[in-house]
Amino acid sequence: MAELKLELTVPFSTESEAQIVRNSLSVDPEPKRGGAKKQLTVKDNVLYVTISSPEAKTLRVCANGFLDHLTLVTETIEAFGPPLEES
């Protein structure tokens, strides 16, 4: 069976916010037993996400977990304000 893939683009107010989210969400790799892979990259202020898996169920579980964590990180940024820009 062909690899299934989910691609997302998530815009942020600044590149710094997008980098913080990428750094926060890329810490834990996906478990090897599920066969899912997650790739996160930032270009300008946009986070690009690719999640792939050989099975639909594994892709769904991985995507749900990722979206839950994405929500948590973005709500945290909103609660505490945008990151300070380094000068």
C-alpha atoms as a PDB file:
ATOM      1  CA  MET A   1       0.000   0.000   0.000  1.00  0.00           C
ATOM      2  CA  ALA A   2       1.189   3.520  -0.770  1.00  0.00           C
ATOM      3  CA  GLU A   3       2.212   5.858   2.019  1.00  0.00           C
ATOM      4  CA  LEU A   4      -0.595   8.175   3.133  1.00  0.00           C
ATOM      5  CA  LYS A   5       0.292  11.812   3.713  1.00  0.00           C
ATOM      6  CA  LEU A   6      -1.258  14.806   5.443  1.00  0.00           C
ATOM      7  CA  GLU A   7       0.180  18.240   4.689  1.00  0.00           C
ATOM      8  CA  LEU A   8      -0.709  21.351   6.685  1.00  0.00           C
ATOM      9  CA  THR A   9       0.332  24.987   6.532  1.00  0.00           C
ATOM     10  CA  VAL A  10      -0.110  26.986   9.724  1.00  0.00           C
ATOM     11  CA  PRO A  11       0.463  30.749   9.508  1.00  0.00           C
ATOM     12  CA  PHE A  12       1.628  32.722  12.556  1.00  0.00           C
ATOM     13  CA  SER A  13       2.001  36.434  13.239  1.00  0.00           C
ATOM     14  CA  THR A  14       5.792  36.257  13.150  1.00  0.00           C
ATOM     15  CA  GLU A  15       8.570  33.903  12.113  1.00  0.00           C
ATOM     16  CA  SER A  16       9.660  33.806  15.748  1.00  0.00           C
ATOM     17  CA  GLU A  17       6.288  32.385  16.830  1.00  0.00           C
ATOM     18  CA  ALA A  18       6.423  29.785  14.048  1.00  0.00           C
ATOM     19  CA  GLN A  19       9.939  28.753  15.168  1.00  0.00           C
ATOM     20  CA  ILE A  20       8.825  28.423  18.804  1.00  0.00           C
ATOM     21  CA  VAL A  21       5.929  26.198  17.778  1.00  0.00           C
ATOM     22  CA  ARG A  22       8.183  24.070  15.547  1.00  0.00           C
ATOM     23  CA  ASN A  23      10.746  23.685  18.315  1.00  0.00           C
ATOM     24  CA  SER A  24       8.061  22.757  20.834  1.00  0.00           C
ATOM     25  CA  LEU A  25       6.363  20.192  18.603  1.00  0.00           C
ATOM     26  CA  SER A  26       9.438  18.520  17.119  1.00  0.00           C
ATOM     27  CA  VAL A  27      10.940  17.453  20.452  1.00  0.00           C
ATOM     28  CA  ASP A  28       9.296  14.026  20.594  1.00  0.00           C
ATOM     29  CA  PRO A  29       9.674  11.802  17.539  1.00  0.00           C
ATOM     30  CA  GLU A  30       6.829   9.508  16.562  1.00  0.00           C
ATOM     31  CA  PRO A  31       7.007   5.941  17.959  1.00  0.00           C
ATOM     32  CA  LYS A  32       8.715   3.601  15.510  1.00  0.00           C
ATOM     33  CA  ARG A  33       6.114   0.846  15.944  1.00  0.00           C
ATOM     34  CA  GLY A  34       3.400   2.948  14.250  1.00  0.00           C
ATOM     35  CA  GLY A  35       5.487   3.779  11.204  1.00  0.00           C
ATOM     36  CA  ALA A  36       4.342   7.416  11.179  1.00  0.00           C
ATOM     37  CA  LYS A  37       6.783  10.196  10.313  1.00  0.00           C
ATOM     38  CA  LYS A  38       6.431  13.896  11.034  1.00  0.00           C
ATOM     39  CA  GLN A  39       8.369  16.705   9.356  1.00  0.00           C
ATOM     40  CA  LEU A  40       8.132  20.319  10.518  1.00  0.00           C
ATOM     41  CA  THR A  41       9.722  23.248   8.717  1.00  0.00           C
ATOM     42  CA  VAL A  42       9.349  27.018   8.947  1.00  0.00           C
ATOM     43  CA  LYS A  43       9.555  29.505   6.103  1.00  0.00           C
ATOM     44  CA  ASP A  44       8.934  33.126   6.980  1.00  0.00           C
ATOM     45  CA  ASN A  45       5.980  33.062   9.397  1.00  0.00           C
ATOM     46  CA  VAL A  46       4.484  29.755   8.202  1.00  0.00           C
ATOM     47  CA  LEU A  47       4.873  26.326   9.795  1.00  0.00           C
ATOM     48  CA  TYR A  48       4.759  23.538   7.203  1.00  0.00           C
ATOM     49  CA  VAL A  49       3.789  20.127   8.551  1.00  0.00           C
ATOM     50  CA  THR A  50       3.930  16.781   6.776  1.00  0.00           C
ATOM     51  CA  ILE A  51       2.723  13.645   8.544  1.00  0.00           C
ATOM     52  CA  SER A  52       2.966  10.352   6.696  1.00  0.00           C
ATOM     53  CA  SER A  53       2.091   6.770   7.569  1.00  0.00           C
ATOM     54  CA  PRO A  54       1.463   3.475   5.786  1.00  0.00           C
ATOM     55  CA  GLU A  55      -1.900   3.072   7.592  1.00  0.00           C
ATOM     56  CA  ALA A  56      -4.877   5.436   7.783  1.00  0.00           C
ATOM     57  CA  LYS A  57      -5.515   4.679  11.462  1.00  0.00           C
ATOM     58  CA  THR A  58      -1.933   5.524  12.435  1.00  0.00           C
ATOM     59  CA  LEU A  59      -2.052   8.729  10.367  1.00  0.00           C
ATOM     60  CA  ARG A  60      -5.294   9.751  12.073  1.00  0.00           C
ATOM     61  CA  VAL A  61      -3.942   9.092  15.578  1.00  0.00           C
ATOM     62  CA  CYS A  62      -0.707  10.960  14.833  1.00  0.00           C
ATOM     63  CA  ALA A  63      -2.564  13.898  13.267  1.00  0.00           C
ATOM     64  CA  ASN A  64      -4.993  14.136  16.198  1.00  0.00           C
ATOM     65  CA  GLY A  65      -2.137  14.146  18.694  1.00  0.00           C
ATOM     66  CA  PHE A  66      -0.242  16.739  16.696  1.00  0.00           C
ATOM     67  CA  LEU A  67      -3.283  19.029  16.434  1.00  0.00           C
ATOM     68  CA  ASP A  68      -3.933  18.729  20.189  1.00  0.00           C
ATOM     69  CA  HIS A  69      -0.337  19.770  20.916  1.00  0.00           C
ATOM     70  CA  LEU A  70      -0.489  22.554  18.313  1.00  0.00           C
ATOM     71  CA  THR A  71      -3.580  23.940  20.013  1.00  0.00           C
ATOM     72  CA  LEU A  72      -1.886  23.831  23.420  1.00  0.00           C
ATOM     73  CA  VAL A  73       1.247  25.623  22.190  1.00  0.00           C
ATOM     74  CA  THR A  74      -0.670  28.336  20.321  1.00  0.00           C
ATOM     75  CA  GLU A  75      -2.981  28.924  23.315  1.00  0.00           C
ATOM     76  CA  THR A  76       0.103  29.254  25.529  1.00  0.00           C
ATOM     77  CA  ILE A  77       1.611  31.858  23.178  1.00  0.00           C
ATOM     78  CA  GLU A  78      -1.689  33.759  23.186  1.00  0.00           C
ATOM     79  CA  ALA A  79      -1.921  33.623  27.006  1.00  0.00           C
ATOM     80  CA  PHE A  80       1.626  34.839  27.645  1.00  0.00           C
ATOM     81  CA  GLY A  81       1.994  37.127  24.649  1.00  0.00           C
ATOM     82  CA  PRO A  82       4.249  36.956  21.619  1.00  0.00           C
ATOM     83  CA  PRO A  83       7.935  36.214  22.092  1.00  0.00           C
ATOM     84  CA  LEU A  84      10.276  39.131  22.589  1.00  0.00           C
ATOM     85  CA  GLU A  85      12.282  39.893  19.485  1.00  0.00           C
ATOM     86  CA  GLU A  86      16.027  39.701  20.006  1.00  0.00           C
ATOM     87  CA  SER A  87      17.911  42.882  19.116  1.00  0.00           C
END
